[in-house]
Amino acid sequence: MELIKFYKFMKTEPCPCGSGKKYRACCINKKDQELPFEKVPYKKREGAFKNYAYKLDKESKIKECLYPNSDQCEGKIKSAHSLQNNGVLSKISENGHVVILNTDYGKDDLIYDVKDESKNKATTFTGFCDKHDTLVFKDIETKEIDVTSSKQCFLFAYRAFALELHKKKESLKSRQQLFKARPTLSKEIEFIVQYRYAELGLNDVSVYKKFFDKALINENYDMIQSTTFTFDYEVSMAACGGFTLTYDIKGNKMNDIHSMEDERLKTLFFTIIPNNGKTYFIFSWIKYDNAYFKDYIQQLEGLTEEQFKTYINNFLPSYTENLVVAPSLWSSFTKHQKDAFFKLFSADFETNDNKLKANILRSTPYDLLVNHVREEKVAES
């Protein structure tokens, strides 16, 4: 993308508010309207702002089926689990609840915390109709997990991809909602840049849809390559998603997430799930990126078990928000351990600095890779 276009909306491009009109015919000269929270007395404004922010978030939600042949859809767009409810979340949950990461609106900035969530609602996204959510993922929902199966590894990667694409679409829409509410922000560089990165991020992930759609329709599951790791016990957490690797394990720079170029950033997809007395770690990528990820995969496969555990403990807060933890495991962490976790989780948000990710084999004071639920039950018996 040309530098000038990155920092400025062109008159002839689509308006960033998402109206479908040209910028010059829409928000370019619009004035801001007084927003609801601005009408509230100052002392009550924080709560009013939060309510307004939640309203914007709700208006940014997208309901659509990502299956390639949408004309074959049946049933409503459902809140589909990115991690299986039965067989995964049911193992981690306690009294029907799990702990999930939660970014909230504070008085002056964002607050990074966790919250209890019903296992029926945790990790859900509105990305598939009832028919396709059931049919497409049948092999990993109803059968024993087999990480030697190219079809199962493909489906885990596909679901992680679908979640990531859905999140990117909602991220761009939330910025469109902001410009719709505050048209003058379309002339502010800070907000233009945020929009451009959201736009590029969606473009990067959208490219993968062509690969996944073709492979899914043709049942060409070898289009996805995977490396897997197995523990002979169940951990008390689970996670999945897509991520753009900024550094490899040795600290070598890989993707530049702040690049303004149109070239596709390379994405990895991962799933970590406890099941049937084991824990499975699946890292996947499209086969066209084999050469790009070759060194990283060799580094990953060359780790000792202890190094791998250290890597995952750093990797999870660094690269994903889609993490669920057993409530008793999270509550067992001290304030120091939780602070260390959130330092990694908030690094990109706070500083736009990825240097912490260059040293991802440093020891962590917390350990996510234990079976705390089982240990608690044994202690009680």
Protein backbone atom coordinates (compact mmCIF):
# COMPACT_ATOMS: atom_id res chain seq x y z
CA MET A 1 0.00 0.00 0.00
CA GLU A 2 1.31 3.45 -0.91
CA LEU A 3 2.46 5.39 2.14
CA ILE A 4 0.14 8.33 1.51
CA LYS A 5 -2.86 6.00 1.25
CA PHE A 6 -1.92 4.35 4.54
CA TYR A 7 -2.23 7.63 6.44
CA LYS A 8 -5.10 9.19 4.53
CA PHE A 9 -8.46 8.15 3.15
CA MET A 10 -8.73 8.88 -0.56
CA LYS A 11 -11.86 10.69 -1.72
CA THR A 12 -12.69 7.97 -4.25
CA GLU A 13 -12.24 4.94 -1.98
CA PRO A 14 -15.13 3.31 -0.08
CA CYS A 15 -16.03 5.27 3.03
CA PRO A 16 -14.48 3.75 6.16
CA CYS A 17 -17.87 3.85 7.91
CA GLY A 18 -18.95 0.89 5.77
CA SER A 19 -21.88 2.65 4.08
CA GLY A 20 -20.83 1.47 0.63
CA LYS A 21 -20.61 5.04 -0.64
CA LYS A 22 -17.45 6.83 -1.74
CA TYR A 23 -15.68 8.69 1.05
CA ARG A 24 -16.24 12.03 -0.69
CA ALA A 25 -20.00 11.37 -0.81
CA CYS A 26 -20.27 10.24 2.78
CA CYS A 27 -18.19 11.04 5.87
CA ILE A 28 -15.55 13.38 4.46
CA ASN A 29 -17.36 16.55 5.59
CA LYS A 30 -19.77 15.17 8.16
CA LYS A 31 -19.81 16.68 11.62
CA ASP A 32 -19.85 14.63 14.81
CA GLN A 33 -23.09 14.18 16.66
CA GLU A 34 -23.21 14.30 20.44
CA LEU A 35 -22.92 10.72 21.65
CA PRO A 36 -25.18 9.33 24.40
CA PHE A 37 -22.47 9.10 27.08
CA GLU A 38 -21.49 12.75 26.49
CA LYS A 39 -24.91 13.87 27.67
CA VAL A 40 -24.38 12.24 31.06
CA PRO A 41 -22.97 14.21 34.04
CA TYR A 42 -19.19 13.83 34.27
CA LYS A 43 -19.24 11.74 37.47
CA LYS A 44 -21.42 9.13 35.78
CA ARG A 45 -19.69 9.30 32.42
CA GLU A 46 -17.39 6.30 32.91
CA GLY A 47 -20.33 3.93 33.27
CA ALA A 48 -22.18 5.59 30.41
CA PHE A 49 -19.11 5.29 28.18
CA LYS A 50 -18.79 1.57 28.97
CA ASN A 51 -22.42 1.04 28.06
CA TYR A 52 -21.88 2.87 24.77
CA ALA A 53 -18.70 0.89 24.05
CA TYR A 54 -20.54 -2.38 24.67
CA LYS A 55 -23.29 -1.18 22.33
CA LEU A 56 -20.71 -0.54 19.59
CA ASP A 57 -19.23 -3.99 20.16
CA LYS A 58 -22.66 -5.56 19.84
CA GLU A 59 -23.31 -3.68 16.60
CA SER A 60 -20.00 -5.00 15.26
CA LYS A 61 -21.02 -8.64 15.64
CA ILE A 62 -21.32 -10.60 12.42
CA LYS A 63 -23.53 -13.62 11.77
CA GLU A 64 -22.69 -15.54 8.62
CA CYS A 65 -21.86 -19.06 7.52
CA LEU A 66 -18.28 -19.29 6.26
CA TYR A 67 -18.86 -22.58 4.45
CA PRO A 68 -17.95 -22.14 0.74
CA ASN A 69 -21.40 -23.05 -0.63
CA SER A 70 -23.60 -20.75 1.43
CA ASP A 71 -26.59 -21.49 -0.82
CA GLN A 72 -26.68 -24.93 0.82
CA CYS A 73 -27.09 -23.51 4.33
CA GLU A 74 -29.88 -24.75 6.57
CA GLY A 75 -30.97 -23.59 9.99
CA LYS A 76 -29.95 -20.50 11.90
CA ILE A 77 -26.44 -19.12 12.21
CA LYS A 78 -25.49 -20.66 15.52
CA SER A 79 -23.03 -19.83 18.28
CA ALA A 80 -20.54 -22.51 17.32
CA HIS A 81 -17.80 -23.61 19.71
CA SER A 82 -14.24 -23.19 18.47
CA LEU A 83 -13.32 -25.76 21.13
CA GLN A 84 -15.61 -28.74 21.63
CA ASN A 85 -18.11 -28.33 24.44
CA ASN A 86 -18.48 -32.03 25.08
CA GLY A 87 -15.15 -33.78 25.49
CA VAL A 88 -12.99 -30.66 25.96
CA LEU A 89 -14.72 -27.81 27.82
CA SER A 90 -16.63 -30.33 29.92
CA LYS A 91 -13.29 -31.68 31.19
CA ILE A 92 -11.98 -28.24 32.12
CA SER A 93 -15.16 -26.75 33.52
CA GLU A 94 -16.04 -26.72 37.20
CA ASN A 95 -19.69 -26.32 38.14
CA GLY A 96 -20.36 -25.71 34.45
CA HIS A 97 -17.95 -22.76 34.19
CA VAL A 98 -14.49 -22.02 32.80
CA VAL A 99 -12.19 -19.01 33.01
CA ILE A 100 -11.62 -16.98 29.83
CA LEU A 101 -9.54 -13.91 29.04
CA ASN A 102 -11.42 -10.63 29.14
CA THR A 103 -10.37 -7.19 27.90
CA ASP A 104 -12.59 -4.53 29.42
CA TYR A 105 -12.93 -0.76 29.17
CA GLY A 106 -11.35 1.16 32.05
CA LYS A 107 -11.58 4.83 32.92
CA ASP A 108 -8.44 5.76 31.00
CA ASP A 109 -7.35 2.62 29.18
CA LEU A 110 -8.04 -1.07 28.67
CA ILE A 111 -8.13 -3.48 31.60
CA TYR A 112 -6.78 -7.00 31.11
CA ASP A 113 -8.40 -9.61 33.29
CA VAL A 114 -10.31 -12.89 33.22
CA LYS A 115 -13.92 -13.76 33.88
CA ASP A 116 -15.96 -16.85 34.65
CA GLU A 117 -18.01 -18.00 31.69
CA SER A 118 -20.51 -20.78 31.16
CA LYS A 119 -18.94 -23.60 29.18
CA ASN A 120 -21.96 -23.41 26.87
CA LYS A 121 -21.01 -19.85 25.88
CA ALA A 122 -17.21 -19.99 26.08
CA THR A 123 -15.21 -19.89 22.81
CA THR A 124 -18.34 -19.50 20.67
CA PHE A 125 -18.57 -17.47 17.47
CA THR A 126 -21.38 -17.01 14.93
CA GLY A 127 -19.51 -18.35 11.92
CA PHE A 128 -21.56 -21.33 10.69
CA CYS A 129 -25.15 -22.32 10.11
CA ASP A 130 -26.54 -25.26 12.06
CA LYS A 131 -26.17 -27.66 9.13
CA HIS A 132 -22.55 -26.93 8.30
CA ASP A 133 -21.36 -26.65 11.88
CA THR A 134 -22.70 -30.16 12.42
CA LEU A 135 -21.64 -31.79 9.15
CA VAL A 136 -18.22 -30.21 8.57
CA PHE A 137 -16.81 -30.91 12.03
CA LYS A 138 -18.46 -34.29 12.60
CA ASP A 139 -15.15 -36.18 12.47
CA ILE A 140 -13.62 -34.22 15.34
CA GLU A 141 -16.82 -33.89 17.36
CA THR A 142 -18.01 -37.51 17.37
CA LYS A 143 -14.87 -39.61 16.79
CA GLU A 144 -11.79 -40.30 18.89
CA ILE A 145 -9.05 -37.78 18.24
CA ASP A 146 -6.42 -39.15 15.88
CA VAL A 147 -3.59 -36.71 15.20
CA THR A 148 -2.26 -39.02 12.48
CA SER A 149 -5.43 -38.35 10.47
CA SER A 150 -4.88 -35.67 7.83
CA LYS A 151 -8.64 -35.02 7.79
CA GLN A 152 -8.84 -34.39 11.53
CA CYS A 153 -5.78 -32.13 11.53
CA PHE A 154 -7.29 -30.25 8.59
CA LEU A 155 -10.60 -29.78 10.43
CA PHE A 156 -8.90 -28.50 13.57
CA ALA A 157 -6.95 -26.02 11.43
CA TYR A 158 -10.08 -25.07 9.48
CA ARG A 159 -12.02 -24.28 12.64
CA ALA A 160 -9.11 -22.21 13.99
CA PHE A 161 -8.96 -20.39 10.64
CA ALA A 162 -12.72 -19.75 10.63
CA LEU A 163 -12.51 -18.25 14.11
CA GLU A 164 -9.63 -16.00 13.06
CA LEU A 165 -11.40 -14.83 9.89
CA HIS A 166 -14.56 -14.10 11.87
CA LYS A 167 -12.61 -12.07 14.44
CA LYS A 168 -10.83 -10.07 11.71
CA LYS A 169 -14.16 -9.24 10.06
CA GLU A 170 -15.62 -8.06 13.35
CA SER A 171 -12.47 -6.06 14.10
CA LEU A 172 -12.81 -4.12 10.85
CA LYS A 173 -16.54 -3.64 11.38
CA SER A 174 -15.94 -2.20 14.87
CA ARG A 175 -13.70 0.45 13.33
CA GLN A 176 -16.34 1.18 10.72
CA GLN A 177 -18.86 1.65 13.52
CA LEU A 178 -16.49 4.10 15.18
CA PHE A 179 -16.19 6.23 12.02
CA LYS A 180 -19.95 6.07 11.60
CA ALA A 181 -20.37 7.51 15.10
CA ARG A 182 -17.45 9.94 14.83
CA PRO A 183 -16.92 10.96 11.16
CA THR A 184 -14.20 13.51 12.04
CA LEU A 185 -11.96 10.66 13.22
CA SER A 186 -11.57 9.74 9.55
CA LYS A 187 -9.08 12.61 9.37
CA GLU A 188 -7.10 11.53 12.46
CA ILE A 189 -3.93 9.58 11.59
CA GLU A 190 -4.11 7.35 14.68
CA PHE A 191 -7.55 6.04 13.73
CA ILE A 192 -6.75 5.82 10.02
CA VAL A 193 -3.73 3.63 10.80
CA GLN A 194 -5.80 1.37 13.08
CA TYR A 195 -8.30 0.95 10.25
CA ARG A 196 -5.57 0.21 7.69
CA TYR A 197 -4.02 -2.50 9.86
CA ALA A 198 -7.46 -4.04 10.44
CA GLU A 199 -8.01 -3.92 6.67
CA LEU A 200 -4.65 -5.55 5.90
CA GLY A 201 -5.20 -8.15 8.62
CA LEU A 202 -8.53 -9.16 7.12
CA ASN A 203 -7.03 -9.26 3.63
CA ASP A 204 -4.23 -11.56 4.84
CA VAL A 205 -6.60 -14.07 6.43
CA SER A 206 -9.14 -13.84 3.59
CA VAL A 207 -6.52 -15.20 1.19
CA TYR A 208 -6.53 -18.43 3.19
CA LYS A 209 -10.26 -18.88 2.63
CA LYS A 210 -9.61 -19.75 -1.02
CA PHE A 211 -7.18 -22.49 0.04
CA PHE A 212 -9.47 -23.92 2.72
CA ASP A 213 -12.62 -23.73 0.58
CA LYS A 214 -10.99 -25.60 -2.30
CA ALA A 215 -9.49 -28.25 -0.02
CA LEU A 216 -12.78 -28.73 1.84
CA ILE A 217 -14.88 -29.14 -1.30
CA ASN A 218 -12.34 -31.46 -2.97
CA GLU A 219 -11.52 -33.30 0.28
CA ASN A 220 -7.87 -32.48 -0.32
CA TYR A 221 -6.91 -32.55 3.33
CA ASP A 222 -3.18 -32.80 2.63
CA MET A 223 -3.31 -29.13 1.64
CA ILE A 224 -2.75 -28.55 5.35
CA GLN A 225 0.53 -29.74 6.85
CA SER A 226 0.77 -30.36 10.59
CA THR A 227 3.18 -31.23 13.34
CA THR A 228 1.75 -32.68 16.54
CA PHE A 229 2.84 -33.26 20.11
CA THR A 230 1.17 -35.43 22.74
CA PHE A 231 1.32 -35.45 26.55
CA ASP A 232 0.25 -38.59 28.39
CA TYR A 233 -2.00 -36.62 30.72
CA GLU A 234 -4.78 -34.06 30.38
CA VAL A 235 -3.99 -30.41 31.06
CA SER A 236 -6.60 -28.14 32.63
CA MET A 237 -6.79 -25.68 29.75
CA ALA A 238 -7.50 -25.58 26.03
CA ALA A 239 -6.89 -23.10 23.23
CA CYS A 240 -7.06 -22.67 19.48
CA GLY A 241 -6.68 -19.97 16.86
CA GLY A 242 -4.56 -18.54 14.10
CA PHE A 243 -1.49 -16.43 14.72
CA THR A 244 1.13 -14.48 12.83
CA LEU A 245 4.55 -15.54 14.08
CA THR A 246 6.72 -12.48 14.68
CA TYR A 247 9.85 -14.35 15.82
CA ASP A 248 10.93 -17.96 15.61
CA ILE A 249 12.11 -19.87 18.68
CA LYS A 250 15.70 -18.69 18.24
CA GLY A 251 14.59 -15.06 18.14
CA ASN A 252 14.93 -14.58 14.38
CA LYS A 253 12.47 -12.06 12.92
CA MET A 254 9.72 -13.58 10.79
CA ASN A 255 6.50 -11.70 9.98
CA ASP A 256 6.46 -7.94 10.36
CA ILE A 257 2.94 -7.31 11.65
CA HIS A 258 3.47 -3.55 11.31
CA SER A 259 4.33 -3.78 7.63
CA MET A 260 2.30 -1.54 5.32
CA GLU A 261 2.90 -3.83 2.34
CA ASP A 262 0.14 -5.83 0.67
CA GLU A 263 2.16 -9.07 0.76
CA ARG A 264 0.36 -11.79 2.72
CA LEU A 265 1.61 -12.38 6.25
CA LYS A 266 2.06 -16.10 6.88
CA THR A 267 -0.34 -17.60 9.42
CA LEU A 268 -0.05 -20.70 11.58
CA PHE A 269 -3.07 -22.42 13.08
CA PHE A 270 -2.98 -24.28 16.37
CA THR A 271 -5.18 -26.36 18.66
CA ILE A 272 -4.41 -27.51 22.20
CA ILE A 273 -6.96 -29.87 23.74
CA PRO A 274 -7.13 -32.45 26.54
CA ASN A 275 -8.95 -35.62 25.55
CA ASN A 276 -9.18 -39.24 26.67
CA GLY A 277 -6.29 -39.11 29.12
CA LYS A 278 -3.95 -37.18 26.81
CA THR A 279 -3.26 -33.64 25.64
CA TYR A 280 -2.81 -32.90 21.96
CA PHE A 281 -0.89 -29.97 20.50
CA ILE A 282 -1.48 -29.44 16.77
CA PHE A 283 0.36 -26.78 14.74
CA SER A 284 -0.74 -26.45 11.10
CA TRP A 285 0.04 -24.40 8.00
CA ILE A 286 -0.84 -24.49 4.31
CA LYS A 287 1.59 -26.56 2.26
CA TYR A 288 2.52 -23.56 0.09
CA ASP A 289 4.23 -22.12 3.18
CA ASN A 290 6.38 -25.21 3.81
CA ALA A 291 9.63 -23.44 2.97
CA TYR A 292 8.72 -20.39 5.04
CA PHE A 293 8.02 -22.37 8.22
CA LYS A 294 10.67 -25.08 7.73
CA ASP A 295 13.20 -23.69 10.23
CA TYR A 296 10.55 -22.85 12.82
CA ILE A 297 9.01 -26.33 12.68
CA GLN A 298 12.45 -27.94 13.01
CA GLN A 299 13.13 -25.75 16.04
CA LEU A 300 9.77 -26.68 17.57
CA GLU A 301 10.28 -30.40 16.97
CA GLY A 302 13.81 -30.19 18.40
CA LEU A 303 12.71 -28.93 21.82
CA THR A 304 12.97 -31.14 24.88
CA GLU A 305 9.73 -31.77 26.77
CA GLU A 306 10.63 -29.16 29.40
CA GLN A 307 11.59 -26.62 26.73
CA PHE A 308 8.32 -27.32 24.91
CA LYS A 309 6.34 -26.68 28.11
CA THR A 310 8.21 -23.41 28.63
CA TYR A 311 7.53 -22.43 25.03
CA ILE A 312 3.79 -23.09 25.31
CA ASN A 313 3.55 -21.16 28.60
CA ASN A 314 5.04 -18.14 26.80
CA PHE A 315 3.28 -18.78 23.51
CA LEU A 316 -0.31 -18.80 24.79
CA PRO A 317 -0.51 -15.29 26.33
CA SER A 318 1.67 -13.93 23.52
CA TYR A 319 -0.39 -15.14 20.59
CA THR A 320 -4.00 -15.89 21.51
CA GLU A 321 -7.06 -14.59 23.31
CA ASN A 322 -9.00 -17.81 22.74
CA LEU A 323 -7.83 -19.60 25.87
CA VAL A 324 -9.96 -21.38 28.47
CA VAL A 325 -8.63 -22.42 31.87
CA ALA A 326 -10.06 -24.44 34.73
CA PRO A 327 -11.24 -22.02 37.45
CA SER A 328 -9.29 -23.83 40.17
CA LEU A 329 -6.07 -23.65 38.14
CA TRP A 330 -6.38 -19.90 37.60
CA SER A 331 -7.29 -19.25 41.23
CA SER A 332 -4.19 -21.21 42.29
CA PHE A 333 -1.95 -18.59 40.65
CA THR A 334 -0.52 -15.85 42.86
CA LYS A 335 -0.79 -12.17 41.96
CA HIS A 336 2.83 -12.28 40.77
CA GLN A 337 2.06 -15.21 38.46
CA LYS A 338 -1.05 -13.53 37.06
CA ASP A 339 0.82 -10.25 36.52
CA ALA A 340 3.53 -12.09 34.57
CA PHE A 341 0.86 -13.70 32.39
CA PHE A 342 -0.85 -10.39 31.64
CA LYS A 343 2.46 -8.67 30.90
CA LEU A 344 2.83 -11.00 27.93
CA PHE A 345 -0.85 -10.85 26.98
CA SER A 346 -0.99 -7.04 26.95
CA ALA A 347 2.40 -6.39 25.31
CA ASP A 348 1.04 -5.71 21.81
CA PHE A 349 -1.87 -3.63 23.06
CA GLU A 350 0.21 -1.44 25.35
CA THR A 351 3.46 -0.86 23.48
CA ASN A 352 3.11 -2.26 19.96
CA ASP A 353 6.42 -3.88 20.89
CA ASN A 354 6.95 -7.55 20.10
CA LYS A 355 10.41 -7.86 21.67
CA LEU A 356 9.00 -10.05 24.44
CA LYS A 357 8.16 -12.59 21.74
CA ALA A 358 11.81 -12.78 20.69
CA ASN A 359 12.67 -14.59 23.94
CA ILE A 360 9.90 -17.11 24.22
CA LEU A 361 11.95 -19.79 25.99
CA ARG A 362 12.41 -17.82 29.19
CA SER A 363 10.95 -19.46 32.29
CA THR A 364 7.52 -18.33 33.49
CA PRO A 365 6.40 -18.19 37.13
CA TYR A 366 3.04 -19.75 36.16
CA ASP A 367 2.40 -23.16 34.62
CA LEU A 368 -0.67 -23.68 32.43
CA LEU A 369 0.29 -27.25 31.55
CA VAL A 370 -0.81 -29.10 34.66
CA ASN A 371 -3.90 -31.14 35.40
CA HIS A 372 -5.12 -29.07 38.29
CA VAL A 373 -8.69 -30.35 38.10
CA ARG A 374 -7.61 -33.96 38.55
CA GLU A 375 -5.10 -33.05 41.27
CA GLU A 376 -7.84 -31.22 43.17
CA LYS A 377 -10.18 -34.20 42.92
CA VAL A 378 -7.47 -36.63 44.09
CA ALA A 379 -6.67 -34.37 47.04
CA GLU A 380 -10.34 -34.27 48.02
CA SER A 381 -10.81 -38.05 47.87
